[in-house]
Structures are given as structure tokens and as C-alpha cells.
């Protein structure tokens, strides 16, 4: 008579528990990676909004006045709230531009909370060798003449 030894019910249950715990760990890792990628995407989009705001301020024909301005922009299929602060610097003819960006319409946030990105730039008459000309735009104008 041949005795075949198979797995007992307890051994099968223990094996299933081990597989379930492994699967749960893998799913948790995948969820964490997906959340991280989403946060990175949000920060990247907020950074683009801030960079665009700084660039727009640099290209405005009027010299920016010191103070705070707020507004919103759309980027990546979402609305973003921005706050721009223009401040003086120790250098004559140069202002500092600080832009903070966060997703628009976040209830319960105070004025200084929830900002995803803060970028700082400058605009100044003293930043060009010739204060009356911007080399890039000057070249473009000459080519069009």
C-alpha cells in the first residue's frame, strides 16, 4: 500500500496567507509610487505656472510696481491660484519677483497655506549691458526690417 502525503489544510492556509501578504505589499508599493508620481506632476505643473508668471512680469512693457498681485491660470487641465510679490532689492533698478502657486479652490486653507511651489526671479534695468535694448528682441526687430 502506497501512502501519498499531500498538503494539509493548515499548510494550504498558511501558504495562502503568505501569498496574500506579499500581494498586499506589492499593491501598497504600487499605490505609493502612483501617489508620488501624481504629486510630482502637480509640482511640475505648479512650477510651470510660476515660471510663466515670472516671464510675463519680465516681458510686461510697464515697470512692475512693488506689492502683491493674485490671479489664476490654467495648466494641465486644472486651475491654479498664484500670488506674486514684487519687492525691492539692494540693487538700484532691480526688483525681486516671488511667485507662489497652489491648486485653486482649496477650502479651509489660510492665505499662506497650501502653496506647492515658490519661485523667485528678478527684473531689472541693471541686468542688461545696454539698458535700452534686449539683445533677443533687438535681433528679432533687425531681422524684420
C-alpha atoms as a PDB file:
ATOM      1  CA  UNK A   1       0.000   0.000   0.000  1.00  0.00           C
ATOM      2  CA  UNK A   2       1.386   3.352  -1.040  1.00  0.00           C
ATOM      3  CA  UNK A   3       0.850   6.323   1.248  1.00  0.00           C
ATOM      4  CA  UNK A   4       0.763   9.635  -0.508  1.00  0.00           C
ATOM      5  CA  UNK A   5       1.292  12.594   1.635  1.00  0.00           C
ATOM      6  CA  UNK A   6      -0.372  15.780   0.400  1.00  0.00           C
ATOM      7  CA  UNK A   7      -0.690  19.214   1.910  1.00  0.00           C
ATOM      8  CA  UNK A   8      -2.848  19.590   4.936  1.00  0.00           C
ATOM      9  CA  UNK A   9      -5.487  22.252   5.116  1.00  0.00           C
ATOM     10  CA  UNK A  10      -3.377  24.274   7.571  1.00  0.00           C
ATOM     11  CA  UNK A  11      -0.358  24.211   5.240  1.00  0.00           C
ATOM     12  CA  UNK A  12      -2.510  25.425   2.351  1.00  0.00           C
ATOM     13  CA  UNK A  13      -3.974  28.224   4.503  1.00  0.00           C
ATOM     14  CA  UNK A  14      -0.512  29.333   5.664  1.00  0.00           C
ATOM     15  CA  UNK A  15       0.701  29.387   2.055  1.00  0.00           C
ATOM     16  CA  UNK A  16      -2.324  31.454   1.017  1.00  0.00           C
ATOM     17  CA  UNK A  17      -1.728  33.914   3.846  1.00  0.00           C
ATOM     18  CA  UNK A  18       1.900  34.349   2.768  1.00  0.00           C
ATOM     19  CA  UNK A  19       0.847  34.945  -0.852  1.00  0.00           C
ATOM     20  CA  UNK A  20      -1.854  37.414   0.253  1.00  0.00           C
ATOM     21  CA  UNK A  21       0.614  39.367   2.404  1.00  0.00           C
ATOM     22  CA  UNK A  22       3.076  39.504  -0.497  1.00  0.00           C
ATOM     23  CA  UNK A  23       0.371  40.694  -2.882  1.00  0.00           C
ATOM     24  CA  UNK A  24      -0.734  43.351  -0.383  1.00  0.00           C
ATOM     25  CA  UNK A  25       2.844  44.593  -0.058  1.00  0.00           C
ATOM     26  CA  UNK A  26       3.205  44.822  -3.847  1.00  0.00           C
ATOM     27  CA  UNK A  27      -0.097  46.701  -4.175  1.00  0.00           C
ATOM     28  CA  UNK A  28       0.911  49.113  -1.417  1.00  0.00           C
ATOM     29  CA  UNK A  29       4.219  49.791  -3.167  1.00  0.00           C
ATOM     30  CA  UNK A  30       2.432  50.400  -6.475  1.00  0.00           C
ATOM     31  CA  UNK A  31      -0.052  52.768  -4.813  1.00  0.00           C
ATOM     32  CA  UNK A  32       2.765  54.710  -3.145  1.00  0.00           C
ATOM     33  CA  UNK A  33       4.583  55.023  -6.482  1.00  0.00           C
ATOM     34  CA  UNK A  34       1.405  56.223  -8.219  1.00  0.00           C
ATOM     35  CA  UNK A  35       0.742  58.818  -5.486  1.00  0.00           C
ATOM     36  CA  UNK A  36       4.326  60.018  -5.713  1.00  0.00           C
ATOM     37  CA  UNK A  37       4.081  60.384  -9.485  1.00  0.00           C
ATOM     38  CA  UNK A  38       0.867  62.389  -9.098  1.00  0.00           C
ATOM     39  CA  UNK A  39       2.484  64.722  -6.539  1.00  0.00           C
ATOM     40  CA  UNK A  40       5.464  65.216  -8.861  1.00  0.00           C
ATOM     41  CA  UNK A  41       3.118  66.030 -11.748  1.00  0.00           C
ATOM     42  CA  UNK A  42       1.279  68.601  -9.630  1.00  0.00           C
ATOM     43  CA  UNK A  43       4.534  70.237  -8.540  1.00  0.00           C
ATOM     44  CA  UNK A  44       5.794  70.315 -12.119  1.00  0.00           C
ATOM     45  CA  UNK A  45       2.604  71.977 -13.360  1.00  0.00           C
ATOM     46  CA  UNK A  46       2.637  74.474 -10.474  1.00  0.00           C
ATOM     47  CA  UNK A  47       6.273  75.240 -11.298  1.00  0.00           C
ATOM     48  CA  UNK A  48       5.332  75.918 -14.918  1.00  0.00           C
ATOM     49  CA  UNK A  49       2.600  78.327 -13.786  1.00  0.00           C
ATOM     50  CA  UNK A  50       5.110  80.147 -11.565  1.00  0.00           C
ATOM     51  CA  UNK A  51       7.742  80.332 -14.314  1.00  0.00           C
ATOM     52  CA  UNK A  52       5.144  81.636 -16.769  1.00  0.00           C
ATOM     53  CA  UNK A  53       4.087  84.327 -14.293  1.00  0.00           C
ATOM     54  CA  UNK A  54       7.705  85.453 -13.756  1.00  0.00           C
ATOM     55  CA  UNK A  55       8.294  85.532 -17.522  1.00  0.00           C
ATOM     56  CA  UNK A  56       5.104  87.529 -18.130  1.00  0.00           C
ATOM     57  CA  UNK A  57       6.180  90.054 -15.489  1.00  0.00           C
ATOM     58  CA  UNK A  58       9.604  90.376 -17.082  1.00  0.00           C
ATOM     59  CA  UNK A  59       8.077  90.975 -20.525  1.00  0.00           C
ATOM     60  CA  UNK A  60       5.396  93.494 -19.493  1.00  0.00           C
ATOM     61  CA  UNK A  61       6.062  96.878 -21.083  1.00  0.00           C
ATOM     62  CA  UNK A  62       5.271  98.687 -17.830  1.00  0.00           C
ATOM     63  CA  UNK A  63       7.747  98.538 -14.948  1.00  0.00           C
ATOM     64  CA  UNK A  64       6.204  96.392 -12.178  1.00  0.00           C
ATOM     65  CA  UNK A  65       5.185  98.222  -9.033  1.00  0.00           C
ATOM     66  CA  UNK A  66       6.031  96.751  -5.647  1.00  0.00           C
ATOM     67  CA  UNK A  67       3.279  94.890  -3.867  1.00  0.00           C
ATOM     68  CA  UNK A  68       1.201  91.747  -4.135  1.00  0.00           C
ATOM     69  CA  UNK A  69      -0.961  90.559  -7.011  1.00  0.00           C
ATOM     70  CA  UNK A  70      -3.106  87.445  -7.181  1.00  0.00           C
ATOM     71  CA  UNK A  71      -4.683  85.599 -10.031  1.00  0.00           C
ATOM     72  CA  UNK A  72      -5.333  82.228 -11.565  1.00  0.00           C
ATOM     73  CA  UNK A  73      -4.174  80.280 -14.590  1.00  0.00           C
ATOM     74  CA  UNK A  74      -4.995  77.033 -16.305  1.00  0.00           C
ATOM     75  CA  UNK A  75      -2.292  74.429 -16.828  1.00  0.00           C
ATOM     76  CA  UNK A  76      -2.598  70.715 -17.418  1.00  0.00           C
ATOM     77  CA  UNK A  77      -6.394  70.782 -17.428  1.00  0.00           C
ATOM     78  CA  UNK A  78      -6.531  72.366 -13.959  1.00  0.00           C
ATOM     79  CA  UNK A  79      -6.959  75.792 -12.457  1.00  0.00           C
ATOM     80  CA  UNK A  80      -4.115  77.141 -10.333  1.00  0.00           C
ATOM     81  CA  UNK A  81      -4.053  80.083  -7.970  1.00  0.00           C
ATOM     82  CA  UNK A  82      -0.933  82.238  -7.926  1.00  0.00           C
ATOM     83  CA  UNK A  83       0.309  85.007  -5.675  1.00  0.00           C
ATOM     84  CA  UNK A  84       3.038  87.294  -6.923  1.00  0.00           C
ATOM     85  CA  UNK A  85       5.036  89.604  -4.699  1.00  0.00           C
ATOM     86  CA  UNK A  86       7.236  92.308  -6.177  1.00  0.00           C
ATOM     87  CA  UNK A  87       9.811  93.678  -3.770  1.00  0.00           C
ATOM     88  CA  UNK A  88      12.790  95.957  -3.791  1.00  0.00           C
ATOM     89  CA  UNK A  89      16.350  94.674  -3.782  1.00  0.00           C
ATOM     90  CA  UNK A  90      19.574  96.296  -2.623  1.00  0.00           C
ATOM     91  CA  UNK A  91      20.396  96.934  -6.291  1.00  0.00           C
ATOM     92  CA  UNK A  92      19.101 100.092  -7.924  1.00  0.00           C
ATOM     93  CA  UNK A  93      16.796  99.325 -10.852  1.00  0.00           C
ATOM     94  CA  UNK A  94      16.250  95.662  -9.907  1.00  0.00           C
ATOM     95  CA  UNK A  95      13.112  94.179  -8.346  1.00  0.00           C
ATOM     96  CA  UNK A  96      12.584  90.700  -6.941  1.00  0.00           C
ATOM     97  CA  UNK A  97       9.630  88.674  -8.234  1.00  0.00           C
ATOM     98  CA  UNK A  98       8.377  85.885  -5.948  1.00  0.00           C
ATOM     99  CA  UNK A  99       5.533  83.681  -7.172  1.00  0.00           C
ATOM    100  CA  UNK A 100       3.686  81.061  -5.117  1.00  0.00           C
ATOM    101  CA  UNK A 101       1.297  78.579  -6.745  1.00  0.00           C
ATOM    102  CA  UNK A 102      -1.287  76.125  -5.402  1.00  0.00           C
ATOM    103  CA  UNK A 103      -4.339  74.329  -6.792  1.00  0.00           C
ATOM    104  CA  UNK A 104      -7.312  76.665  -6.991  1.00  0.00           C
ATOM    105  CA  UNK A 105     -10.267  76.424  -4.613  1.00  0.00           C
ATOM    106  CA  UNK A 106      -8.922  74.690  -1.570  1.00  0.00           C
ATOM    107  CA  UNK A 107     -11.413  75.293   1.185  1.00  0.00           C
ATOM    108  CA  UNK A 108     -10.247  75.832   4.719  1.00  0.00           C
ATOM    109  CA  UNK A 109      -6.754  76.997   3.774  1.00  0.00           C
ATOM    110  CA  UNK A 110      -5.340  80.159   5.231  1.00  0.00           C
ATOM    111  CA  UNK A 111      -3.750  82.722   2.933  1.00  0.00           C
ATOM    112  CA  UNK A 112      -0.228  81.372   3.495  1.00  0.00           C
ATOM    113  CA  UNK A 113      -1.005  77.633   3.403  1.00  0.00           C
ATOM    114  CA  UNK A 114      -1.077  75.013   0.693  1.00  0.00           C
ATOM    115  CA  UNK A 115       1.432  76.540  -1.727  1.00  0.00           C
ATOM    116  CA  UNK A 116       3.075  73.771  -3.754  1.00  0.00           C
ATOM    117  CA  UNK A 117       5.790  75.858  -5.371  1.00  0.00           C
ATOM    118  CA  UNK A 118       7.594  79.102  -4.616  1.00  0.00           C
ATOM    119  CA  UNK A 119       9.893  80.522  -7.305  1.00  0.00           C
ATOM    120  CA  UNK A 120      11.886  83.726  -7.272  1.00  0.00           C
ATOM    121  CA  UNK A 121      13.178  85.749 -10.188  1.00  0.00           C
ATOM    122  CA  UNK A 122      14.210  89.316 -10.918  1.00  0.00           C
ATOM    123  CA  UNK A 123      13.606  92.085 -13.374  1.00  0.00           C
ATOM    124  CA  UNK A 124      15.994  94.917 -13.676  1.00  0.00           C
ATOM    125  CA  UNK A 125      17.248  97.671 -15.824  1.00  0.00           C
ATOM    126  CA  UNK A 126      20.710  96.969 -14.458  1.00  0.00           C
ATOM    127  CA  UNK A 127      20.684  93.370 -15.692  1.00  0.00           C
ATOM    128  CA  UNK A 128      21.409  94.350 -19.325  1.00  0.00           C
ATOM    129  CA  UNK A 129      24.643  95.773 -20.669  1.00  0.00           C
ATOM    130  CA  UNK A 130      22.611  98.288 -22.677  1.00  0.00           C
ATOM    131  CA  UNK A 131      19.540  99.282 -20.617  1.00  0.00           C
ATOM    132  CA  UNK A 132      17.681 100.381 -23.743  1.00  0.00           C
ATOM    133  CA  UNK A 133      17.852  97.071 -25.602  1.00  0.00           C
ATOM    134  CA  UNK A 134      17.167  93.452 -25.036  1.00  0.00           C
ATOM    135  CA  UNK A 135      19.502  91.526 -27.314  1.00  0.00           C
ATOM    136  CA  UNK A 136      16.997  88.800 -28.239  1.00  0.00           C
ATOM    137  CA  UNK A 137      14.199  91.224 -29.130  1.00  0.00           C
ATOM    138  CA  UNK A 138      16.629  93.642 -30.739  1.00  0.00           C
ATOM    139  CA  UNK A 139      17.849  90.896 -33.112  1.00  0.00           C
ATOM    140  CA  UNK A 140      14.286  89.910 -33.952  1.00  0.00           C
ATOM    141  CA  UNK A 141      13.454  93.507 -34.783  1.00  0.00           C
ATOM    142  CA  UNK A 142      16.508  93.865 -37.034  1.00  0.00           C
ATOM    143  CA  UNK A 143      15.685  90.715 -38.987  1.00  0.00           C
ATOM    144  CA  UNK A 144      12.191  92.017 -39.658  1.00  0.00           C
ATOM    145  CA  UNK A 145      13.404  95.381 -41.005  1.00  0.00           C
END
